[in-house]
Amino acid sequence: MGPKKPEIEYIHLRRLAELRQNKSPPEGEYKEAYESLRKLAQGAMKKGPFSVTIGKSFPHIAASGDPRDFLSYAPMHYNNEEKDGQVIYVRRDGKRNPDCSEVKDQSQLEALAENLTFLCLGYFLLHKSEYANHAISLINTFFINSETRMNPHVDYGQVVRGANNPTGKGRAEGIISTRFLARVANVLPLLEDHEGYASVQRPTHLWYANYLQWLLESPIGKKEAAKKNNHHTFYLVQVAAIQQLLYAEGKYRCFPAQKTIQDYYTNVLPQQINKKTGNQPLEASRTLQFHYLEFNLHAAIFLAELGIDAACCDVYCQQQLIPLAATHMIGYCNNKNMKEDMTEGVRTVEIIKSRYGDTDDHCYTRFLEMARHCKDAENISGPKNAIARLWFRKNPQYNEISTSNEINHTPAIINSSGSSSGTGEGGRVNSNIESKGSKVMAFFDKMLHHHH
């Protein structure tokens, strides 16, 4: 079958900037990563365009009738009941309905995000303008062209089909279908020094601003924000990534994303993870327990990594719930009857190990070794997995929150005196940032519409 498409993770822009400045030829695993990137970027030159309008035909169009409205179907609902001659869809947890693939909007978005990642990385690190030019063309089709752009909302995400949903409207859960928009927001800054990007930057940012407003203010968005499980966490992944894209400069630089991340780690994560056992009850109650335990933890790590790289905060130093949850998750792999793919947890465990170190009994190291030799090991092989070494350090021993100006999305951490802070005890940066007055925080409270 070949390797799986990796789940989105935060790509460290400042780490990429360091590589760009390094004039020495790549060696070791970095050489493999560069060669993989070159291969993927060249392949991406032949891909696209991507649009939610491609291949749309009745009945697989949103109830609005507008092919530009993102559409996806509730993945675990089946039409196995009839009532008065009408089809009723019912839910079967853990069993994905294969006919959901008949609507292509999510696969179009994911293909855009994947190929745009290869092109943006390729332009930034390999210095090839043709990669940026093709990326700009893809951006124009998906976000700007009036006939092919996706409308900036998810009113028809994870639609439950059948007579039990006569309006054809989507559910709050549908927002998780568009989580790859966070990856696009993550990599767009890599194009900022290309002369052609100026033509699409402002309209793309406007699209994201409208989408963010929909996330924060629409009934569907508010309902997803009120959830307690992985849906809430991945909702915040989109919110924070877009905030960082839109508020990377200016008076309120980095504060919106910082507030989103710190609110989650202060108010939500402690409710998701049992502080004694590390269990995540809302995820463990699902049929695919290991998958959902990892899925929510993966989203939490995305937020933490974004915070370190771009949002002026290091939430890892605030509590020990993350490694506790990772250890609990790994424990599921000791069950000989577990049939799930343990390689899903590799990237999450690698990142957690790099931030906290290993456990006393080398739990993380042993898990990673098991995963690399298990029956599903092929899923973490190949170029798409190899390029993660470009933005990931196994043992980061440097001031994570710096004043690098290579990319504008890497502001310095500011302490209450207004000066840049140094590293805290043990080399970790002090993240206890005081607000710039109650008026600023009141502004963000109103703007973000967070209700915990």
Protein backbone atom coordinates (compact mmCIF):
# COMPACT_ATOMS: atom_id res chain seq x y z
CA MET A 1 0.00 0.00 0.00
CA GLY A 2 2.88 2.40 0.68
CA PRO A 3 3.31 5.08 3.33
CA LYS A 4 0.28 6.94 4.68
CA LYS A 5 -0.15 10.65 4.17
CA PRO A 6 1.21 12.20 7.39
CA GLU A 7 -1.21 14.04 9.66
CA ILE A 8 -0.61 17.78 9.81
CA GLU A 9 1.98 18.93 12.29
CA TYR A 10 3.35 22.39 12.91
CA ILE A 11 6.29 23.27 10.64
CA HIS A 12 8.86 25.43 12.44
CA LEU A 13 9.51 28.46 10.25
CA ARG A 14 12.47 29.65 12.27
CA ARG A 15 14.18 26.28 12.00
CA LEU A 16 13.77 26.48 8.22
CA ALA A 17 15.26 29.97 8.30
CA GLU A 18 18.32 28.58 10.09
CA LEU A 19 18.74 25.94 7.39
CA ARG A 20 18.36 28.56 4.68
CA GLN A 21 21.14 30.64 6.18
CA ASN A 22 23.45 27.63 6.48
CA LYS A 23 25.61 27.58 3.35
CA SER A 24 27.18 24.19 4.10
CA PRO A 25 25.91 21.24 2.03
CA PRO A 26 23.47 19.05 3.98
CA GLU A 27 24.84 15.89 5.53
CA GLY A 28 23.43 12.73 7.11
CA GLU A 29 19.67 12.69 7.65
CA TYR A 30 19.44 16.27 6.39
CA LYS A 31 20.89 15.17 3.05
CA GLU A 32 18.14 12.58 2.77
CA ALA A 33 15.55 15.18 3.77
CA TYR A 34 16.76 17.64 1.11
CA GLU A 35 16.79 14.95 -1.55
CA SER A 36 13.27 13.92 -0.53
CA LEU A 37 12.11 17.53 -0.68
CA ARG A 38 13.57 17.99 -4.14
CA LYS A 39 11.75 14.89 -5.36
CA LEU A 40 8.44 15.96 -3.78
CA ALA A 41 8.64 19.54 -5.03
CA GLN A 42 9.36 18.35 -8.56
CA GLY A 43 6.38 16.02 -8.33
CA ALA A 44 4.16 18.84 -7.05
CA MET A 45 4.99 20.88 -10.16
CA LYS A 46 2.85 18.40 -12.10
CA LYS A 47 -0.08 18.46 -9.65
CA GLY A 48 -3.15 20.63 -9.53
CA PRO A 49 -5.05 22.81 -9.84
CA PHE A 50 -7.14 21.95 -6.79
CA SER A 51 -10.64 23.23 -6.04
CA VAL A 52 -13.75 22.15 -4.19
CA THR A 53 -15.59 22.73 -7.47
CA ILE A 54 -13.72 20.05 -9.39
CA GLY A 55 -15.87 17.08 -10.40
CA LYS A 56 -18.98 18.39 -8.65
CA SER A 57 -22.25 16.92 -9.89
CA PHE A 58 -25.69 16.18 -8.44
CA PRO A 59 -26.38 14.81 -5.88
CA HIS A 60 -22.94 15.48 -4.39
CA ILE A 61 -23.35 19.26 -4.10
CA ALA A 62 -24.13 21.23 -0.94
CA ALA A 63 -27.81 21.92 -0.28
CA SER A 64 -27.13 25.56 -1.15
CA GLY A 65 -26.59 24.55 -4.76
CA ASP A 66 -23.28 26.43 -4.82
CA PRO A 67 -20.42 24.12 -5.89
CA ARG A 68 -17.97 26.44 -4.08
CA ASP A 69 -19.44 25.46 -0.69
CA PHE A 70 -17.24 22.86 0.98
CA LEU A 71 -19.10 19.57 1.35
CA SER A 72 -18.28 16.41 3.26
CA TYR A 73 -20.43 13.58 4.58
CA ALA A 74 -20.68 12.28 8.13
CA PRO A 75 -18.12 9.48 7.78
CA MET A 76 -19.64 6.92 10.15
CA HIS A 77 -23.29 7.17 9.11
CA TYR A 78 -24.88 4.39 7.06
CA ASN A 79 -28.21 4.18 5.26
CA ASN A 80 -29.29 0.89 6.76
CA GLU A 81 -32.77 1.86 7.93
CA GLU A 82 -35.89 2.97 6.13
CA LYS A 83 -38.87 4.73 7.60
CA ASP A 84 -42.07 5.26 5.62
CA GLY A 85 -40.11 4.63 2.43
CA GLN A 86 -37.44 7.21 3.31
CA VAL A 87 -33.79 6.49 3.92
CA ILE A 88 -32.54 7.13 7.46
CA TYR A 89 -28.80 7.30 8.18
CA VAL A 90 -27.53 5.92 11.50
CA ARG A 91 -24.09 6.10 13.11
CA ARG A 92 -21.65 3.20 13.55
CA ASP A 93 -18.60 4.34 15.51
CA GLY A 94 -15.28 3.18 14.13
CA LYS A 95 -16.66 2.12 10.74
CA ARG A 96 -16.12 4.58 7.92
CA ASN A 97 -18.72 4.59 5.16
CA PRO A 98 -16.79 4.10 1.90
CA ASP A 99 -19.29 6.10 -0.14
CA CYS A 100 -18.12 9.27 1.65
CA SER A 101 -15.34 9.34 -0.93
CA GLU A 102 -17.90 10.20 -3.61
CA VAL A 103 -17.57 13.84 -2.60
CA LYS A 104 -14.02 15.08 -3.22
CA ASP A 105 -13.83 18.43 -1.39
CA GLN A 106 -11.76 17.21 1.55
CA SER A 107 -9.36 15.28 -0.69
CA GLN A 108 -8.98 18.39 -2.88
CA LEU A 109 -8.13 20.51 0.16
CA GLU A 110 -5.68 17.94 1.51
CA ALA A 111 -4.00 17.61 -1.88
CA LEU A 112 -3.66 21.40 -2.05
CA ALA A 113 -2.14 21.54 1.44
CA GLU A 114 0.27 18.70 0.74
CA ASN A 115 1.54 19.96 -2.61
CA LEU A 116 1.66 23.57 -1.43
CA THR A 117 3.85 22.40 1.46
CA PHE A 118 6.32 20.76 -0.92
CA LEU A 119 6.38 23.80 -3.20
CA CYS A 120 6.77 26.38 -0.43
CA LEU A 121 9.50 24.37 1.27
CA GLY A 122 11.15 23.79 -2.08
CA TYR A 123 11.18 27.47 -2.93
CA PHE A 124 12.43 28.51 0.50
CA LEU A 125 15.20 25.93 0.89
CA LEU A 126 16.11 25.00 -2.67
CA HIS A 127 15.83 28.56 -4.04
CA LYS A 128 13.78 27.66 -7.12
CA SER A 129 11.33 30.36 -8.21
CA GLU A 130 9.36 27.94 -10.36
CA TYR A 131 8.15 26.23 -7.19
CA ALA A 132 6.83 29.54 -5.84
CA ASN A 133 5.21 30.37 -9.18
CA HIS A 134 3.28 27.12 -9.23
CA ALA A 135 2.32 27.54 -5.56
CA ILE A 136 0.90 30.98 -6.34
CA SER A 137 -1.14 29.49 -9.17
CA LEU A 138 -2.60 26.86 -6.83
CA ILE A 139 -3.40 29.53 -4.22
CA ASN A 140 -5.18 31.64 -6.82
CA THR A 141 -7.40 28.75 -7.90
CA PHE A 142 -8.39 27.61 -4.42
CA PHE A 143 -8.76 30.93 -2.59
CA ILE A 144 -9.16 33.79 -5.09
CA ASN A 145 -10.65 32.92 -8.50
CA SER A 146 -14.35 33.76 -8.27
CA GLU A 147 -15.44 30.58 -10.05
CA THR A 148 -13.21 28.04 -8.31
CA ARG A 149 -12.45 29.44 -4.85
CA MET A 150 -13.87 27.74 -1.79
CA ASN A 151 -16.38 29.88 0.07
CA PRO A 152 -14.90 30.74 3.52
CA HIS A 153 -17.18 28.62 5.68
CA VAL A 154 -17.99 24.98 6.46
CA ASP A 155 -21.77 25.13 6.68
CA TYR A 156 -21.99 21.79 4.88
CA GLY A 157 -19.30 19.77 6.58
CA GLN A 158 -19.99 16.17 7.68
CA VAL A 159 -23.58 16.33 6.48
CA VAL A 160 -25.83 13.53 7.72
CA ARG A 161 -27.71 12.43 4.65
CA GLY A 162 -31.24 11.12 4.53
CA ALA A 163 -34.69 12.03 5.77
CA ASN A 164 -33.42 12.82 9.28
CA ASN A 165 -31.69 15.93 7.92
CA PRO A 166 -34.13 17.53 5.46
CA THR A 167 -32.24 20.86 5.32
CA GLY A 168 -29.02 19.22 4.20
CA LYS A 169 -27.04 21.45 6.57
CA GLY A 170 -23.77 20.28 8.02
CA ARG A 171 -22.67 19.63 11.59
CA ALA A 172 -20.14 21.31 13.84
CA GLU A 173 -18.04 18.16 13.53
CA GLY A 174 -17.49 19.04 9.88
CA ILE A 175 -14.92 21.66 10.82
CA ILE A 176 -12.40 18.91 11.49
CA SER A 177 -12.66 18.03 7.78
CA THR A 178 -10.95 21.34 6.94
CA ARG A 179 -8.08 21.11 9.45
CA PHE A 180 -5.58 21.09 6.57
CA LEU A 181 -6.33 24.80 6.13
CA ALA A 182 -4.06 25.18 9.17
CA ARG A 183 -1.19 23.62 7.22
CA VAL A 184 -1.73 26.07 4.35
CA ALA A 185 -1.69 29.00 6.80
CA ASN A 186 1.49 27.57 8.34
CA VAL A 187 3.52 27.49 5.09
CA LEU A 188 2.29 30.59 3.27
CA PRO A 189 4.91 32.85 4.94
CA LEU A 190 7.64 30.90 3.15
CA LEU A 191 6.62 32.69 -0.04
CA GLU A 192 6.77 36.21 1.35
CA ASP A 193 10.07 37.22 -0.25
CA HIS A 194 8.99 36.06 -3.70
CA GLU A 195 7.98 38.98 -5.89
CA GLY A 196 4.94 37.19 -7.31
CA TYR A 197 3.40 36.44 -3.93
CA ALA A 198 2.27 40.05 -3.43
CA SER A 199 -0.49 39.55 -6.01
CA VAL A 200 -2.20 36.83 -3.95
CA GLN A 201 -1.16 37.64 -0.39
CA ARG A 202 -3.81 40.25 0.42
CA PRO A 203 -6.82 38.38 -1.08
CA THR A 204 -5.68 35.14 0.55
CA HIS A 205 -5.34 36.85 3.92
CA LEU A 206 -8.80 38.35 3.40
CA TRP A 207 -10.18 34.88 2.71
CA TYR A 208 -8.62 33.60 5.92
CA ALA A 209 -9.92 36.61 7.88
CA ASN A 210 -13.47 35.86 6.70
CA TYR A 211 -13.05 32.19 7.51
CA LEU A 212 -11.70 32.98 10.98
CA GLN A 213 -14.68 35.24 11.62
CA TRP A 214 -16.95 32.37 10.59
CA LEU A 215 -15.11 29.97 12.92
CA LEU A 216 -15.48 32.34 15.87
CA GLU A 217 -18.96 33.74 15.31
CA SER A 218 -21.12 31.28 13.34
CA PRO A 219 -23.49 28.90 15.19
CA ILE A 220 -21.62 25.90 13.76
CA GLY A 221 -18.25 27.33 14.76
CA LYS A 222 -19.41 28.14 18.29
CA LYS A 223 -20.84 24.64 18.65
CA GLU A 224 -17.53 23.06 17.65
CA ALA A 225 -15.67 25.39 20.03
CA ALA A 226 -17.90 24.15 22.85
CA LYS A 227 -16.94 20.51 22.36
CA LYS A 228 -14.59 18.91 24.88
CA ASN A 229 -12.69 16.34 22.83
CA ASN A 230 -10.35 16.26 19.82
CA HIS A 231 -12.84 18.30 17.81
CA HIS A 232 -12.26 21.26 20.11
CA THR A 233 -8.48 20.86 19.94
CA PHE A 234 -8.33 20.68 16.16
CA TYR A 235 -10.74 23.62 15.99
CA LEU A 236 -8.16 25.61 17.96
CA VAL A 237 -5.39 24.36 15.66
CA GLN A 238 -7.16 26.15 12.80
CA VAL A 239 -7.92 29.24 14.89
CA ALA A 240 -4.36 29.64 16.19
CA ALA A 241 -2.67 28.95 12.84
CA ILE A 242 -4.85 31.53 11.11
CA GLN A 243 -4.34 34.06 13.89
CA GLN A 244 -0.60 33.68 13.54
CA LEU A 245 -0.84 34.18 9.78
CA LEU A 246 -2.98 37.32 10.08
CA TYR A 247 -1.44 38.88 13.19
CA ALA A 248 2.24 38.22 12.52
CA GLU A 249 3.05 41.91 12.41
CA GLY A 250 1.82 45.14 13.92
CA LYS A 251 0.61 46.29 17.30
CA TYR A 252 -0.96 43.00 18.38
CA ARG A 253 1.81 40.79 16.99
CA CYS A 254 1.58 37.22 18.30
CA PHE A 255 -0.94 37.98 21.07
CA PRO A 256 -4.08 36.38 19.51
CA ALA A 257 -2.46 32.99 18.85
CA GLN A 258 -0.69 33.16 22.19
CA LYS A 259 -3.97 33.71 24.01
CA THR A 260 -5.65 30.85 22.14
CA ILE A 261 -2.82 28.44 23.00
CA GLN A 262 -2.48 29.48 26.64
CA ASP A 263 -6.24 29.35 27.19
CA TYR A 264 -6.27 25.79 25.88
CA TYR A 265 -3.37 24.62 28.01
CA THR A 266 -4.70 26.38 31.11
CA ASN A 267 -8.42 25.65 30.89
CA VAL A 268 -9.08 22.79 28.45
CA LEU A 269 -6.20 20.31 28.49
CA PRO A 270 -6.52 19.70 32.27
CA GLN A 271 -10.13 18.70 31.62
CA GLN A 272 -9.20 16.38 28.76
CA ILE A 273 -6.43 14.46 30.54
CA ASN A 274 -6.72 12.67 33.87
CA LYS A 275 -3.93 14.15 35.98
CA LYS A 276 -3.35 10.85 37.83
CA THR A 277 -3.42 8.32 34.99
CA GLY A 278 -2.87 10.33 31.80
CA ASN A 279 -6.02 8.85 30.28
CA GLN A 280 -8.19 10.93 27.97
CA PRO A 281 -11.65 9.56 28.79
CA LEU A 282 -13.48 11.20 25.90
CA GLU A 283 -11.03 9.66 23.42
CA ALA A 284 -10.66 6.31 25.18
CA SER A 285 -14.43 5.80 24.97
CA ARG A 286 -14.21 5.50 21.18
CA THR A 287 -13.93 2.23 19.29
CA LEU A 288 -10.45 3.08 17.97
CA GLN A 289 -8.98 4.01 21.33
CA PHE A 290 -5.30 4.36 20.42
CA HIS A 291 -6.12 6.41 17.34
CA TYR A 292 -8.20 8.95 19.20
CA LEU A 293 -5.86 9.18 22.18
CA GLU A 294 -3.07 10.02 19.74
CA PHE A 295 -5.25 12.24 17.54
CA ASN A 296 -6.12 14.68 20.33
CA LEU A 297 -2.58 14.64 21.71
CA HIS A 298 -1.26 15.34 18.22
CA ALA A 299 -3.42 18.46 17.96
CA ALA A 300 -2.29 19.62 21.41
CA ILE A 301 1.33 19.26 20.29
CA PHE A 302 0.62 21.31 17.15
CA LEU A 303 -0.54 24.18 19.39
CA ALA A 304 2.47 23.85 21.69
CA GLU A 305 4.95 23.85 18.81
CA LEU A 306 3.28 26.86 17.21
CA GLY A 307 3.55 28.62 20.55
CA ILE A 308 7.29 28.01 20.79
CA ASP A 309 8.09 28.94 17.21
CA ALA A 310 5.86 31.92 16.60
CA ALA A 311 3.45 32.86 19.37
CA CYS A 312 5.84 33.87 22.16
CA CYS A 313 4.93 31.15 24.65
CA ASP A 314 6.32 27.86 25.89
CA VAL A 315 3.42 25.89 27.32
CA TYR A 316 5.47 22.74 27.80
CA CYS A 317 7.01 24.18 30.93
CA GLN A 318 3.61 24.77 32.57
CA GLN A 319 2.59 21.20 33.39
CA GLN A 320 3.38 17.52 32.90
CA LEU A 321 0.09 16.33 31.42
CA ILE A 322 1.51 15.89 27.92
CA PRO A 323 4.16 13.25 28.80
CA LEU A 324 1.71 11.60 31.18
CA ALA A 325 -0.84 11.27 28.37
CA ALA A 326 1.83 9.99 25.99
CA THR A 327 2.89 7.27 28.43
CA HIS A 328 -0.74 6.23 28.93
CA MET A 329 -1.31 6.12 25.16
CA ILE A 330 1.78 3.97 24.63
CA GLY A 331 0.46 1.55 27.23
CA TYR A 332 -2.28 0.51 24.79
CA CYS A 333 0.39 -0.98 22.54
CA ASN A 334 1.20 -3.57 25.21
CA ASN A 335 -2.16 -5.19 24.50
CA LYS A 336 -1.52 -8.13 22.20
CA ASN A 337 -5.08 -7.82 20.87
CA MET A 338 -4.62 -4.24 19.68
CA LYS A 339 -5.17 -4.15 15.94
CA GLU A 340 -4.61 -0.43 15.42
CA ASP A 341 -1.62 1.11 13.65
CA MET A 342 0.87 2.15 16.31
CA THR A 343 2.92 4.14 13.79
CA GLU A 344 0.27 6.87 14.03
CA GLY A 345 1.88 7.87 17.32
CA VAL A 346 5.49 8.11 16.11
CA ARG A 347 5.67 11.81 15.29
CA THR A 348 3.82 12.79 18.47
CA VAL A 349 6.13 10.70 20.65
CA GLU A 350 9.24 11.95 18.83
CA ILE A 351 8.27 15.56 19.51
CA ILE A 352 7.35 14.90 23.14
CA LYS A 353 10.62 13.07 23.70
CA SER A 354 12.55 15.98 22.20
CA ARG A 355 10.87 18.43 24.59
CA TYR A 356 10.76 16.44 27.83
CA GLY A 357 13.42 13.81 27.38
CA ASP A 358 12.69 10.10 27.81
CA THR A 359 11.06 8.46 30.81
CA ASP A 360 13.18 6.66 33.40
CA ASP A 361 12.31 3.31 31.84
CA HIS A 362 12.96 4.61 28.28
CA CYS A 363 9.31 4.22 27.38
CA TYR A 364 9.45 6.58 24.40
CA THR A 365 12.59 5.03 22.93
CA ARG A 366 11.17 1.53 23.21
CA PHE A 367 7.88 2.61 21.61
CA LEU A 368 9.65 4.23 18.69
CA GLU A 369 11.77 1.12 18.13
CA MET A 370 8.68 -1.08 18.24
CA ALA A 371 6.87 1.15 15.75
CA ARG A 372 9.78 1.14 13.31
CA HIS A 373 9.78 -2.65 13.24
CA CYS A 374 6.05 -3.37 13.43
CA LYS A 375 3.88 -4.70 10.62
CA ASP A 376 2.82 -1.14 9.70
CA ALA A 377 6.35 0.33 9.66
CA GLU A 378 6.01 1.15 5.97
CA ASN A 379 3.56 3.91 6.94
CA ILE A 380 6.37 6.04 8.38
CA SER A 381 8.80 5.53 5.51
CA GLY A 382 9.31 7.41 2.27
CA PRO A 383 9.99 11.04 1.27
CA LYS A 384 6.87 12.56 2.84
CA ASN A 385 8.02 11.40 6.27
CA ALA A 386 11.71 12.06 5.65
CA ILE A 387 11.24 15.81 5.11
CA ALA A 388 10.08 16.28 8.72
CA ARG A 389 13.78 16.35 9.67
CA LEU A 390 14.00 19.75 7.99
CA TRP A 391 12.01 21.45 10.76
CA PHE A 392 12.46 19.01 13.62
CA ARG A 393 15.41 18.68 15.99
CA LYS A 394 15.65 15.51 18.04
CA ASN A 395 17.37 17.31 20.91
CA PRO A 396 16.78 21.07 20.64
CA GLN A 397 19.44 22.81 22.72
CA TYR A 398 18.91 26.44 21.82
CA ASN A 399 16.82 29.45 22.73
CA GLU A 400 13.55 28.36 21.17
CA ILE A 401 11.93 31.79 21.23
CA SER A 402 14.30 34.12 19.43
CA THR A 403 14.42 37.44 17.62
CA SER A 404 15.17 36.02 14.18
CA ASN A 405 14.04 38.30 11.39
CA GLU A 406 14.41 35.80 8.55
CA ILE A 407 10.65 35.28 8.64
CA ASN A 408 8.35 37.86 10.17
CA HIS A 409 6.41 35.17 12.05
CA THR A 410 9.11 34.71 14.70
CA PRO A 411 8.80 37.61 17.17
CA ALA A 412 10.84 37.81 20.36
CA ILE A 413 9.27 36.98 23.67
CA ILE A 414 8.55 40.16 25.58
CA ASN A 415 8.59 40.45 29.34
CA SER A 416 6.76 42.99 31.46
CA SER A 417 9.51 45.56 31.06
CA GLY A 418 9.17 45.42 27.29
CA SER A 419 12.60 43.87 26.67
CA SER A 420 13.48 40.53 25.14
CA SER A 421 13.80 37.77 27.67
CA GLY A 422 16.57 35.20 27.92
CA THR A 423 16.29 31.54 28.67
CA GLY A 424 14.92 30.38 31.95
CA GLU A 425 16.14 27.61 34.22
CA GLY A 426 17.42 24.61 32.30
CA GLY A 427 17.57 26.55 29.04
CA ARG A 428 13.79 26.77 28.71
CA VAL A 429 12.37 30.14 27.95
CA ASN A 430 10.22 31.87 30.54
CA SER A 431 6.72 32.04 29.07
CA ASN A 432 4.98 33.98 31.82
CA ILE A 433 4.28 36.96 29.63
CA GLU A 434 2.35 39.77 31.23
CA SER A 435 -0.35 41.42 29.16
CA LYS A 436 0.02 44.91 27.83
CA GLY A 437 -2.87 46.23 29.87
CA SER A 438 -6.43 45.17 30.45
CA LYS A 439 -7.70 46.99 27.36
CA VAL A 440 -5.64 44.79 25.04
CA MET A 441 -6.76 41.56 26.70
CA ALA A 442 -10.38 42.76 26.73
CA PHE A 443 -10.03 43.35 23.01
CA PHE A 444 -8.85 39.79 22.42
CA ASP A 445 -11.53 38.34 24.69
CA LYS A 446 -14.15 40.03 22.56
CA MET A 447 -12.47 39.12 19.27
CA LEU A 448 -11.81 35.46 19.99
CA HIS A 449 -15.21 34.58 21.50
CA HIS A 450 -13.71 31.79 23.58
CA HIS A 451 -16.11 30.09 25.97
CA HIS A 452 -14.59 27.40 28.16
